[in-house]
C-alpha atoms as a PDB file:
ATOM      1  CA  MET A   1     -41.982 -22.560  49.603  1.00  0.00           C
ATOM      2  CA  SER A   2     -41.386 -18.870  49.661  1.00  0.00           C
ATOM      3  CA  PRO A   3     -42.329 -16.760  46.661  1.00  0.00           C
ATOM      4  CA  LYS A   4     -39.474 -15.629  44.408  1.00  0.00           C
ATOM      5  CA  THR A   5     -38.821 -11.979  44.217  1.00  0.00           C
ATOM      6  CA  GLU A   6     -37.141 -10.612  41.142  1.00  0.00           C
ATOM      7  CA  ILE A   7     -35.210  -7.424  41.541  1.00  0.00           C
ATOM      8  CA  TYR A   8     -34.271  -5.347  38.538  1.00  0.00           C
ATOM      9  CA  SER A   9     -31.654  -2.743  38.818  1.00  0.00           C
ATOM     10  CA  ARG A  10     -32.409   0.325  36.781  1.00  0.00           C
ATOM     11  CA  SER A  11     -28.719   1.203  36.375  1.00  0.00           C
ATOM     12  CA  ASP A  12     -27.896  -2.237  34.913  1.00  0.00           C
ATOM     13  CA  HIS A  13     -30.620  -1.866  32.336  1.00  0.00           C
ATOM     14  CA  ASN A  14     -29.394   1.580  31.336  1.00  0.00           C
ATOM     15  CA  SER A  15     -25.774   0.498  31.053  1.00  0.00           C
ATOM     16  CA  SER A  16     -26.740  -2.516  28.907  1.00  0.00           C
ATOM     17  CA  LYS A  17     -28.816  -0.310  26.636  1.00  0.00           C
ATOM     18  CA  GLU A  18     -25.970   2.191  26.459  1.00  0.00           C
ATOM     19  CA  LEU A  19     -23.523  -0.567  25.481  1.00  0.00           C
ATOM     20  CA  LEU A  20     -25.877  -1.863  22.806  1.00  0.00           C
ATOM     21  CA  ASP A  21     -26.288   1.653  21.433  1.00  0.00           C
ATOM     22  CA  ARG A  22     -22.521   2.146  21.331  1.00  0.00           C
ATOM     23  CA  VAL A  23     -21.992  -1.192  19.549  1.00  0.00           C
ATOM     24  CA  LYS A  24     -24.686  -0.290  17.009  1.00  0.00           C
ATOM     25  CA  ASN A  25     -23.012   3.091  16.452  1.00  0.00           C
ATOM     26  CA  LEU A  26     -19.623   1.428  15.915  1.00  0.00           C
ATOM     27  CA  GLU A  27     -21.144  -1.008  13.421  1.00  0.00           C
ATOM     28  CA  GLN A  28     -22.553   1.915  11.452  1.00  0.00           C
ATOM     29  CA  GLN A  29     -19.185   3.689  11.465  1.00  0.00           C
ATOM     30  CA  ILE A  30     -17.405   0.545  10.227  1.00  0.00           C
ATOM     31  CA  SER A  31     -19.963   0.112   7.437  1.00  0.00           C
ATOM     32  CA  ALA A  32     -19.496   3.734   6.391  1.00  0.00           C
ATOM     33  CA  LEU A  33     -15.711   3.332   6.319  1.00  0.00           C
ATOM     34  CA  CYS A  34     -15.955   0.169   4.235  1.00  0.00           C
ATOM     35  CA  ILE A  35     -18.202   1.901   1.732  1.00  0.00           C
ATOM     36  CA  ARG A  36     -15.984   5.002   1.541  1.00  0.00           C
ATOM     37  CA  THR A  37     -12.725   3.133   1.028  1.00  0.00           C
ATOM     38  CA  GLY A  38     -14.196   0.467  -1.223  1.00  0.00           C
ATOM     39  CA  ALA A  39     -12.688  -2.079   1.112  1.00  0.00           C
ATOM     40  CA  ARG A  40     -12.078  -5.553  -0.247  1.00  0.00           C
ATOM     41  CA  PRO A  41     -11.080  -8.645   1.657  1.00  0.00           C
ATOM     42  CA  ARG A  42      -7.430  -8.481   2.689  1.00  0.00           C
ATOM     43  CA  THR A  43      -6.468 -11.608   0.758  1.00  0.00           C
ATOM     44  CA  GLN A  44      -7.429 -10.004  -2.542  1.00  0.00           C
ATOM     45  CA  ASN A  45      -5.422  -6.852  -1.847  1.00  0.00           C
ATOM     46  CA  SER A  46      -2.285  -8.651  -0.732  1.00  0.00           C
ATOM     47  CA  SER A  47      -2.305 -11.044  -3.699  1.00  0.00           C
ATOM     48  CA  TYR A  48      -2.831  -8.135  -6.090  1.00  0.00           C
ATOM     49  CA  PHE A  49       0.297  -6.336  -4.895  1.00  0.00           C
ATOM     50  CA  ARG A  50       2.312  -9.532  -4.649  1.00  0.00           C
ATOM     51  CA  ASN A  51       1.507 -10.499  -8.263  1.00  0.00           C
ATOM     52  CA  ARG A  52       2.182  -6.981  -9.473  1.00  0.00           C
ATOM     53  CA  SER A  53       5.664  -6.815  -7.959  1.00  0.00           C
ATOM     54  CA  ARG A  54       6.580 -10.204  -9.441  1.00  0.00           C
ATOM     55  CA  SER A  55       5.699  -9.075 -12.948  1.00  0.00           C
ATOM     56  CA  ARG A  56       7.930  -6.009 -12.627  1.00  0.00           C
ATOM     57  CA  ARG A  57      10.967  -8.142 -11.821  1.00  0.00           C
ATOM     58  CA  HIS A  58      10.587 -10.020 -15.093  1.00  0.00           C
ATOM     59  CA  ASP A  59      10.606  -6.820 -17.141  1.00  0.00           C
ATOM     60  CA  PHE A  60      14.237  -6.026 -16.294  1.00  0.00           C
ATOM     61  CA  ASN A  61      16.788  -7.847 -18.429  1.00  0.00           C
ATOM     62  CA  PRO A  62      20.127  -8.105 -16.561  1.00  0.00           C
ATOM     63  CA  LYS A  63      21.884  -8.839 -19.867  1.00  0.00           C
ATOM     64  CA  GLY A  64      20.473  -5.662 -21.400  1.00  0.00           C
ATOM     65  CA  LYS A  65      22.342  -2.415 -22.002  1.00  0.00           C
ATOM     66  CA  LEU A  66      21.015  -0.539 -18.967  1.00  0.00           C
ATOM     67  CA  CYS A  67      21.673  -1.056 -15.269  1.00  0.00           C
ATOM     68  CA  TYR A  68      18.619  -1.723 -13.122  1.00  0.00           C
ATOM     69  CA  PHE A  69      18.470   1.840 -11.793  1.00  0.00           C
ATOM     70  CA  HIS A  70      18.493   3.480 -15.231  1.00  0.00           C
ATOM     71  CA  PHE A  71      16.010   0.893 -16.469  1.00  0.00           C
ATOM     72  CA  ARG A  72      13.706   1.604 -13.516  1.00  0.00           C
ATOM     73  CA  PHE A  73      14.131   5.368 -13.027  1.00  0.00           C
ATOM     74  CA  GLY A  74      15.482   6.667 -16.361  1.00  0.00           C
ATOM     75  CA  THR A  75      16.553  10.316 -16.159  1.00  0.00           C
ATOM     76  CA  LYS A  76      15.629  10.433 -12.447  1.00  0.00           C
ATOM     77  CA  CYS A  77      18.345   7.899 -11.610  1.00  0.00           C
ATOM     78  CA  PHE A  78      21.082   9.275  -9.359  1.00  0.00           C
ATOM     79  CA  PRO A  79      24.545   8.903 -10.981  1.00  0.00           C
ATOM     80  CA  GLU A  80      25.967   7.185  -7.883  1.00  0.00           C
ATOM     81  CA  GLU A  81      23.319   4.445  -8.225  1.00  0.00           C
ATOM     82  CA  CYS A  82      24.384   3.478 -11.763  1.00  0.00           C
ATOM     83  CA  GLN A  83      26.131   0.121 -11.968  1.00  0.00           C
ATOM     84  CA  PRO A  84      28.364  -0.966 -14.853  1.00  0.00           C
ATOM     85  CA  PRO A  85      27.944  -2.124 -17.488  1.00  0.00           C
ATOM     86  CA  CYS A  86      25.413   0.558 -18.359  1.00  0.00           C
ATOM     87  CA  SER A  87      25.125   2.319 -21.704  1.00  0.00           C
ATOM     88  CA  TRP A  88      23.122   5.212 -20.240  1.00  0.00           C
ATOM     89  CA  ASN A  89      26.181   7.260 -19.251  1.00  0.00           C
ATOM     90  CA  LYS A  90      27.956   6.871 -22.577  1.00  0.00           C
ATOM     91  CA  LYS A  91      25.484   8.787 -24.729  1.00  0.00           C
ATOM     92  CA  PRO A  92      24.851  11.757 -22.394  1.00  0.00           C
ATOM     93  CA  GLN A  93      28.605  12.185 -21.772  1.00  0.00           C
ATOM     94  CA  GLU A  94      29.368  12.120 -25.486  1.00  0.00           C
ATOM     95  CA  ASN A  95      26.683  14.734 -26.056  1.00  0.00           C
ATOM     96  CA  GLN A  96      28.126  16.944 -23.307  1.00  0.00           C
ATOM     97  CA  GLU A  97      31.663  16.635 -24.696  1.00  0.00           C
ATOM     98  CA  ASN A  98      30.509  17.494 -28.216  1.00  0.00           C
ATOM     99  CA  SER A  99      28.562  20.518 -27.021  1.00  0.00           C
ATOM    100  CA  SER A 100      31.551  21.830 -25.018  1.00  0.00           C
ATOM    101  CA  LEU A 101      33.847  21.567 -28.064  1.00  0.00           C
ATOM    102  CA  GLN A 102      31.569  23.748 -30.200  1.00  0.00           C
END
């Protein structure tokens, strides 16, 4: 039986070490980003926003006196977005008419 000869390539060793160093560096960067952003698991974030949007829908009463846009945006509502029946336009118009008569 002939003796086994093991051959090590210096370049392979260096490239493996370089890859390990790069992976370690990336792990550190990811950890730093997670700490900075206060990252939470994705399932918690998505359920938080989903539950929050559901609760908003229940606040609006379609049988109320305001259209959805005036209920949601108030004075920032664009007039073309207002949908009847809406009592928002009645009071400001009456106030404008009264002020123009004086």
